[in-house]
Amino acid sequence: MFKFEKLEVWKKSVQLYQEVLESCEAIGPRDQGSLGEQLRRASLSVSANIAEGAGRDGVREARYFFNIGKGSVYEVVSLLYVLRQRGLLQPNEYDALYKQCDEIAMMLSGLMKR
């Protein structure tokens, strides 16, 4: 088992990606290529950077990738906000995804303080 697979924050970020994929299905073809693709990439980047950070030997390097992952969480939140504003995401769905993002961001902040 890889180190990152033991991290609860990594597991939560994979779950976030799965839920973002489901939310992206509601995006129409006009926005699918731009907004949908950007949201999918940003949400996938969270777990990928957590994995990469966990695989680094140095604390400083690990923090660097955890910080990039946290930045991707912020990008996801911004894109979710745009979807909600455009009526492509229901308020309750936005709230649930926002809460997940907030929790992941806090967990990453904790990892960076270690």
N, C-alpha and C. Protein backbone atom coordinates (compact mmCIF):
# COMPACT_ATOMS: atom_id res chain seq x y z
N MET A 1 0.85 -1.18 0.00
CA MET A 1 0.00 0.00 0.00
C MET A 1 0.89 1.24 0.00
N PHE A 2 0.55 2.20 -0.84
CA PHE A 2 1.28 3.46 -0.88
C PHE A 2 0.87 4.34 0.30
N LYS A 3 1.78 5.23 0.72
CA LYS A 3 1.52 6.10 1.87
C LYS A 3 0.25 6.93 1.69
N PHE A 4 0.06 7.45 0.49
CA PHE A 4 -1.08 8.34 0.27
C PHE A 4 -2.42 7.61 0.42
N GLU A 5 -2.43 6.31 0.18
CA GLU A 5 -3.67 5.54 0.29
C GLU A 5 -4.16 5.45 1.74
N LYS A 6 -3.28 5.73 2.68
CA LYS A 6 -3.64 5.70 4.10
C LYS A 6 -4.19 7.05 4.57
N LEU A 7 -4.01 8.07 3.76
CA LEU A 7 -4.44 9.43 4.14
C LEU A 7 -5.94 9.63 3.92
N GLU A 8 -6.63 10.01 4.98
CA GLU A 8 -8.07 10.26 4.89
C GLU A 8 -8.36 11.39 3.90
N VAL A 9 -7.50 12.39 3.85
CA VAL A 9 -7.71 13.52 2.94
C VAL A 9 -7.63 13.07 1.49
N TRP A 10 -6.78 12.11 1.19
CA TRP A 10 -6.70 11.59 -0.17
C TRP A 10 -8.00 10.86 -0.53
N LYS A 11 -8.49 10.05 0.41
CA LYS A 11 -9.74 9.32 0.18
C LYS A 11 -10.89 10.29 -0.06
N LYS A 12 -10.94 11.35 0.73
CA LYS A 12 -12.00 12.35 0.58
C LYS A 12 -11.88 13.09 -0.76
N SER A 13 -10.65 13.32 -1.20
CA SER A 13 -10.46 14.03 -2.47
C SER A 13 -10.86 13.16 -3.66
N VAL A 14 -10.66 11.85 -3.56
CA VAL A 14 -11.12 10.94 -4.61
C VAL A 14 -12.65 10.94 -4.65
N GLN A 15 -13.27 10.94 -3.48
CA GLN A 15 -14.73 11.00 -3.40
C GLN A 15 -15.25 12.32 -4.00
N LEU A 16 -14.56 13.41 -3.71
CA LEU A 16 -14.94 14.70 -4.28
C LEU A 16 -14.92 14.62 -5.80
N TYR A 17 -13.86 14.04 -6.34
CA TYR A 17 -13.76 13.91 -7.80
C TYR A 17 -14.94 13.13 -8.37
N GLN A 18 -15.30 12.03 -7.72
CA GLN A 18 -16.44 11.23 -8.19
C GLN A 18 -17.73 12.06 -8.20
N GLU A 19 -17.93 12.84 -7.16
CA GLU A 19 -19.16 13.65 -7.08
C GLU A 19 -19.13 14.81 -8.07
N VAL A 20 -17.95 15.35 -8.32
CA VAL A 20 -17.83 16.40 -9.33
C VAL A 20 -18.16 15.83 -10.71
N LEU A 21 -17.69 14.63 -10.98
CA LEU A 21 -18.02 13.99 -12.27
C LEU A 21 -19.53 13.90 -12.46
N GLU A 22 -20.23 13.49 -11.42
CA GLU A 22 -21.69 13.39 -11.49
C GLU A 22 -22.32 14.76 -11.74
N SER A 23 -21.81 15.78 -11.06
CA SER A 23 -22.34 17.13 -11.23
C SER A 23 -22.09 17.65 -12.63
N CYS A 24 -20.97 17.28 -13.21
CA CYS A 24 -20.62 17.75 -14.56
C CYS A 24 -21.55 17.18 -15.63
N GLU A 25 -22.21 16.09 -15.32
CA GLU A 25 -23.14 15.50 -16.29
C GLU A 25 -24.30 16.44 -16.60
N ALA A 26 -24.62 17.33 -15.65
CA ALA A 26 -25.74 18.26 -15.83
C ALA A 26 -25.36 19.47 -16.68
N ILE A 27 -24.07 19.63 -16.95
CA ILE A 27 -23.62 20.77 -17.74
C ILE A 27 -23.92 20.52 -19.21
N GLY A 28 -24.52 21.48 -19.84
CA GLY A 28 -24.87 21.35 -21.25
C GLY A 28 -23.64 21.36 -22.15
N PRO A 29 -23.83 20.98 -23.40
CA PRO A 29 -22.70 20.87 -24.33
C PRO A 29 -21.94 22.18 -24.53
N ARG A 30 -22.64 23.28 -24.43
CA ARG A 30 -22.00 24.58 -24.64
C ARG A 30 -20.90 24.84 -23.61
N ASP A 31 -21.14 24.45 -22.36
CA ASP A 31 -20.18 24.69 -21.29
C ASP A 31 -19.35 23.46 -20.93
N GLN A 32 -19.69 22.33 -21.52
CA GLN A 32 -19.02 21.08 -21.16
C GLN A 32 -17.53 21.11 -21.46
N GLY A 33 -17.17 21.63 -22.62
CA GLY A 33 -15.77 21.64 -23.03
C GLY A 33 -14.91 22.59 -22.24
N SER A 34 -15.47 23.68 -21.78
CA SER A 34 -14.66 24.65 -21.05
C SER A 34 -14.84 24.50 -19.55
N LEU A 35 -15.99 24.84 -19.07
CA LEU A 35 -16.26 24.83 -17.64
C LEU A 35 -16.23 23.42 -17.07
N GLY A 36 -16.87 22.50 -17.74
CA GLY A 36 -16.91 21.11 -17.25
C GLY A 36 -15.52 20.49 -17.21
N GLU A 37 -14.77 20.68 -18.28
CA GLU A 37 -13.42 20.10 -18.34
C GLU A 37 -12.50 20.73 -17.29
N GLN A 38 -12.59 22.02 -17.11
CA GLN A 38 -11.76 22.69 -16.10
C GLN A 38 -12.09 22.20 -14.70
N LEU A 39 -13.36 22.01 -14.43
CA LEU A 39 -13.78 21.53 -13.11
C LEU A 39 -13.31 20.09 -12.88
N ARG A 40 -13.44 19.26 -13.90
CA ARG A 40 -12.97 17.87 -13.76
C ARG A 40 -11.46 17.83 -13.53
N ARG A 41 -10.72 18.61 -14.26
CA ARG A 41 -9.25 18.63 -14.12
C ARG A 41 -8.84 19.17 -12.75
N ALA A 42 -9.47 20.22 -12.30
CA ALA A 42 -9.12 20.81 -11.00
C ALA A 42 -9.41 19.83 -9.87
N SER A 43 -10.55 19.16 -9.94
CA SER A 43 -10.90 18.23 -8.86
C SER A 43 -9.99 17.00 -8.87
N LEU A 44 -9.59 16.55 -10.05
CA LEU A 44 -8.66 15.43 -10.15
C LEU A 44 -7.28 15.82 -9.64
N SER A 45 -6.91 17.06 -9.84
CA SER A 45 -5.61 17.56 -9.40
C SER A 45 -5.43 17.50 -7.88
N VAL A 46 -6.52 17.59 -7.15
CA VAL A 46 -6.43 17.57 -5.68
C VAL A 46 -5.83 16.25 -5.22
N SER A 47 -6.44 15.14 -5.60
CA SER A 47 -5.94 13.83 -5.15
C SER A 47 -4.56 13.52 -5.74
N ALA A 48 -4.33 13.94 -6.97
CA ALA A 48 -3.03 13.67 -7.61
C ALA A 48 -1.90 14.38 -6.86
N ASN A 49 -2.13 15.61 -6.44
CA ASN A 49 -1.09 16.35 -5.73
C ASN A 49 -0.89 15.84 -4.30
N ILE A 50 -1.94 15.36 -3.69
CA ILE A 50 -1.80 14.76 -2.36
C ILE A 50 -0.94 13.50 -2.49
N ALA A 51 -1.21 12.69 -3.49
CA ALA A 51 -0.43 11.47 -3.71
C ALA A 51 1.03 11.81 -3.98
N GLU A 52 1.25 12.80 -4.83
CA GLU A 52 2.63 13.18 -5.15
C GLU A 52 3.36 13.72 -3.92
N GLY A 53 2.67 14.53 -3.14
CA GLY A 53 3.28 15.06 -1.92
C GLY A 53 3.63 13.97 -0.93
N ALA A 54 2.73 13.01 -0.77
CA ALA A 54 2.97 11.91 0.16
C ALA A 54 4.14 11.04 -0.28
N GLY A 55 4.43 11.04 -1.57
CA GLY A 55 5.51 10.23 -2.10
C GLY A 55 6.87 10.90 -2.01
N ARG A 56 6.91 12.13 -1.61
CA ARG A 56 8.18 12.86 -1.51
C ARG A 56 8.85 12.55 -0.18
N ASP A 57 10.17 12.50 -0.21
CA ASP A 57 10.92 12.18 1.00
C ASP A 57 11.08 13.39 1.92
N GLY A 58 11.22 14.55 1.36
CA GLY A 58 11.43 15.75 2.17
C GLY A 58 10.12 16.40 2.56
N VAL A 59 10.10 16.92 3.78
CA VAL A 59 8.91 17.61 4.30
C VAL A 59 8.58 18.83 3.45
N ARG A 60 9.60 19.56 3.07
CA ARG A 60 9.40 20.78 2.30
C ARG A 60 8.76 20.47 0.94
N GLU A 61 9.24 19.42 0.29
CA GLU A 61 8.65 19.01 -0.99
C GLU A 61 7.22 18.55 -0.81
N ALA A 62 6.96 17.78 0.22
CA ALA A 62 5.60 17.29 0.48
C ALA A 62 4.66 18.47 0.68
N ARG A 63 5.07 19.44 1.47
CA ARG A 63 4.22 20.62 1.72
C ARG A 63 3.92 21.36 0.43
N TYR A 64 4.92 21.44 -0.44
CA TYR A 64 4.74 22.12 -1.71
C TYR A 64 3.56 21.51 -2.49
N PHE A 65 3.53 20.18 -2.58
CA PHE A 65 2.46 19.52 -3.34
C PHE A 65 1.13 19.57 -2.60
N PHE A 66 1.15 19.50 -1.28
CA PHE A 66 -0.10 19.64 -0.52
C PHE A 66 -0.67 21.04 -0.74
N ASN A 67 0.21 22.02 -0.84
CA ASN A 67 -0.24 23.40 -1.08
C ASN A 67 -0.84 23.55 -2.48
N ILE A 68 -0.24 22.88 -3.46
CA ILE A 68 -0.82 22.91 -4.81
C ILE A 68 -2.20 22.25 -4.79
N GLY A 69 -2.31 21.14 -4.06
CA GLY A 69 -3.61 20.46 -3.93
C GLY A 69 -4.65 21.37 -3.31
N LYS A 70 -4.22 22.13 -2.30
CA LYS A 70 -5.14 23.08 -1.65
C LYS A 70 -5.56 24.17 -2.64
N GLY A 71 -4.64 24.63 -3.45
CA GLY A 71 -4.98 25.61 -4.48
C GLY A 71 -6.00 25.07 -5.46
N SER A 72 -5.87 23.78 -5.78
CA SER A 72 -6.84 23.15 -6.68
C SER A 72 -8.22 23.06 -6.03
N VAL A 73 -8.25 22.86 -4.72
CA VAL A 73 -9.54 22.87 -4.00
C VAL A 73 -10.19 24.23 -4.16
N TYR A 74 -9.42 25.28 -4.01
CA TYR A 74 -9.95 26.63 -4.15
C TYR A 74 -10.47 26.87 -5.57
N GLU A 75 -9.75 26.34 -6.55
CA GLU A 75 -10.19 26.45 -7.94
C GLU A 75 -11.53 25.74 -8.13
N VAL A 76 -11.67 24.56 -7.54
CA VAL A 76 -12.93 23.81 -7.63
C VAL A 76 -14.07 24.64 -7.05
N VAL A 77 -13.85 25.25 -5.89
CA VAL A 77 -14.90 26.06 -5.25
C VAL A 77 -15.30 27.21 -6.16
N SER A 78 -14.34 27.87 -6.76
CA SER A 78 -14.64 28.99 -7.65
C SER A 78 -15.47 28.52 -8.86
N LEU A 79 -15.10 27.40 -9.43
CA LEU A 79 -15.83 26.87 -10.58
C LEU A 79 -17.23 26.41 -10.18
N LEU A 80 -17.35 25.82 -9.01
CA LEU A 80 -18.68 25.43 -8.51
C LEU A 80 -19.57 26.66 -8.35
N TYR A 81 -18.99 27.73 -7.87
CA TYR A 81 -19.74 28.98 -7.69
C TYR A 81 -20.28 29.47 -9.04
N VAL A 82 -19.44 29.42 -10.06
CA VAL A 82 -19.86 29.84 -11.40
C VAL A 82 -21.00 28.95 -11.90
N LEU A 83 -20.87 27.65 -11.68
CA LEU A 83 -21.95 26.73 -12.09
C LEU A 83 -23.25 27.07 -11.39
N ARG A 84 -23.16 27.34 -10.10
CA ARG A 84 -24.37 27.68 -9.35
C ARG A 84 -24.98 28.98 -9.87
N GLN A 85 -24.14 29.96 -10.13
CA GLN A 85 -24.62 31.25 -10.63
C GLN A 85 -25.31 31.11 -11.99
N ARG A 86 -24.85 30.17 -12.78
CA ARG A 86 -25.43 29.95 -14.11
C ARG A 86 -26.64 29.03 -14.07
N GLY A 87 -26.98 28.56 -12.89
CA GLY A 87 -28.14 27.68 -12.75
C GLY A 87 -27.85 26.24 -13.17
N LEU A 88 -26.58 25.87 -13.26
CA LEU A 88 -26.20 24.53 -13.68
C LEU A 88 -25.94 23.60 -12.50
N LEU A 89 -26.05 24.15 -11.30
CA LEU A 89 -25.83 23.38 -10.09
C LEU A 89 -26.85 23.82 -9.05
N GLN A 90 -27.58 22.87 -8.51
CA GLN A 90 -28.59 23.18 -7.51
C GLN A 90 -27.93 23.67 -6.21
N PRO A 91 -28.57 24.58 -5.50
CA PRO A 91 -27.98 25.11 -4.26
C PRO A 91 -27.59 24.03 -3.25
N ASN A 92 -28.43 23.00 -3.08
CA ASN A 92 -28.09 21.94 -2.11
C ASN A 92 -26.88 21.13 -2.57
N GLU A 93 -26.75 20.93 -3.88
CA GLU A 93 -25.59 20.22 -4.43
C GLU A 93 -24.33 21.06 -4.24
N TYR A 94 -24.45 22.36 -4.51
CA TYR A 94 -23.33 23.28 -4.30
C TYR A 94 -22.89 23.25 -2.84
N ASP A 95 -23.85 23.34 -1.93
CA ASP A 95 -23.53 23.36 -0.50
C ASP A 95 -22.80 22.09 -0.07
N ALA A 96 -23.23 20.95 -0.55
CA ALA A 96 -22.60 19.67 -0.19
C ALA A 96 -21.16 19.61 -0.71
N LEU A 97 -20.96 20.01 -1.97
CA LEU A 97 -19.61 20.00 -2.54
C LEU A 97 -18.72 21.04 -1.87
N TYR A 98 -19.30 22.20 -1.57
CA TYR A 98 -18.55 23.25 -0.88
C TYR A 98 -18.06 22.75 0.48
N LYS A 99 -18.92 22.07 1.19
CA LYS A 99 -18.56 21.53 2.51
C LYS A 99 -17.41 20.53 2.39
N GLN A 100 -17.48 19.67 1.39
CA GLN A 100 -16.40 18.71 1.16
C GLN A 100 -15.09 19.43 0.87
N CYS A 101 -15.15 20.44 0.03
CA CYS A 101 -13.96 21.21 -0.31
C CYS A 101 -13.37 21.89 0.91
N ASP A 102 -14.23 22.46 1.73
CA ASP A 102 -13.77 23.13 2.95
C ASP A 102 -13.06 22.14 3.87
N GLU A 103 -13.63 20.97 4.02
CA GLU A 103 -13.02 19.94 4.88
C GLU A 103 -11.66 19.50 4.33
N ILE A 104 -11.58 19.29 3.04
CA ILE A 104 -10.32 18.88 2.41
C ILE A 104 -9.26 19.97 2.57
N ALA A 105 -9.65 21.22 2.36
CA ALA A 105 -8.70 22.33 2.51
C ALA A 105 -8.17 22.41 3.93
N MET A 106 -9.03 22.22 4.93
CA MET A 106 -8.59 22.24 6.33
C MET A 106 -7.65 21.08 6.62
N MET A 107 -7.96 19.91 6.08
CA MET A 107 -7.10 18.74 6.30
C MET A 107 -5.73 18.95 5.65
N LEU A 108 -5.71 19.56 4.48
CA LEU A 108 -4.43 19.84 3.83
C LEU A 108 -3.63 20.88 4.62
N SER A 109 -4.31 21.87 5.17
CA SER A 109 -3.61 22.85 6.02
C SER A 109 -2.97 22.13 7.21
N GLY A 110 -3.67 21.17 7.78
CA GLY A 110 -3.11 20.40 8.89
C GLY A 110 -1.90 19.60 8.47
N LEU A 111 -1.96 18.99 7.29
CA LEU A 111 -0.80 18.23 6.78
C LEU A 111 0.41 19.12 6.57
N MET A 112 0.17 20.35 6.12
CA MET A 112 1.28 21.26 5.86
C MET A 112 1.93 21.76 7.14
N LYS A 113 1.20 21.72 8.25
CA LYS A 113 1.75 22.19 9.53
C LYS A 113 2.62 21.14 10.21
N ARG A 114 2.53 19.91 9.77
CA ARG A 114 3.30 18.82 10.40
C ARG A 114 4.78 19.01 10.21
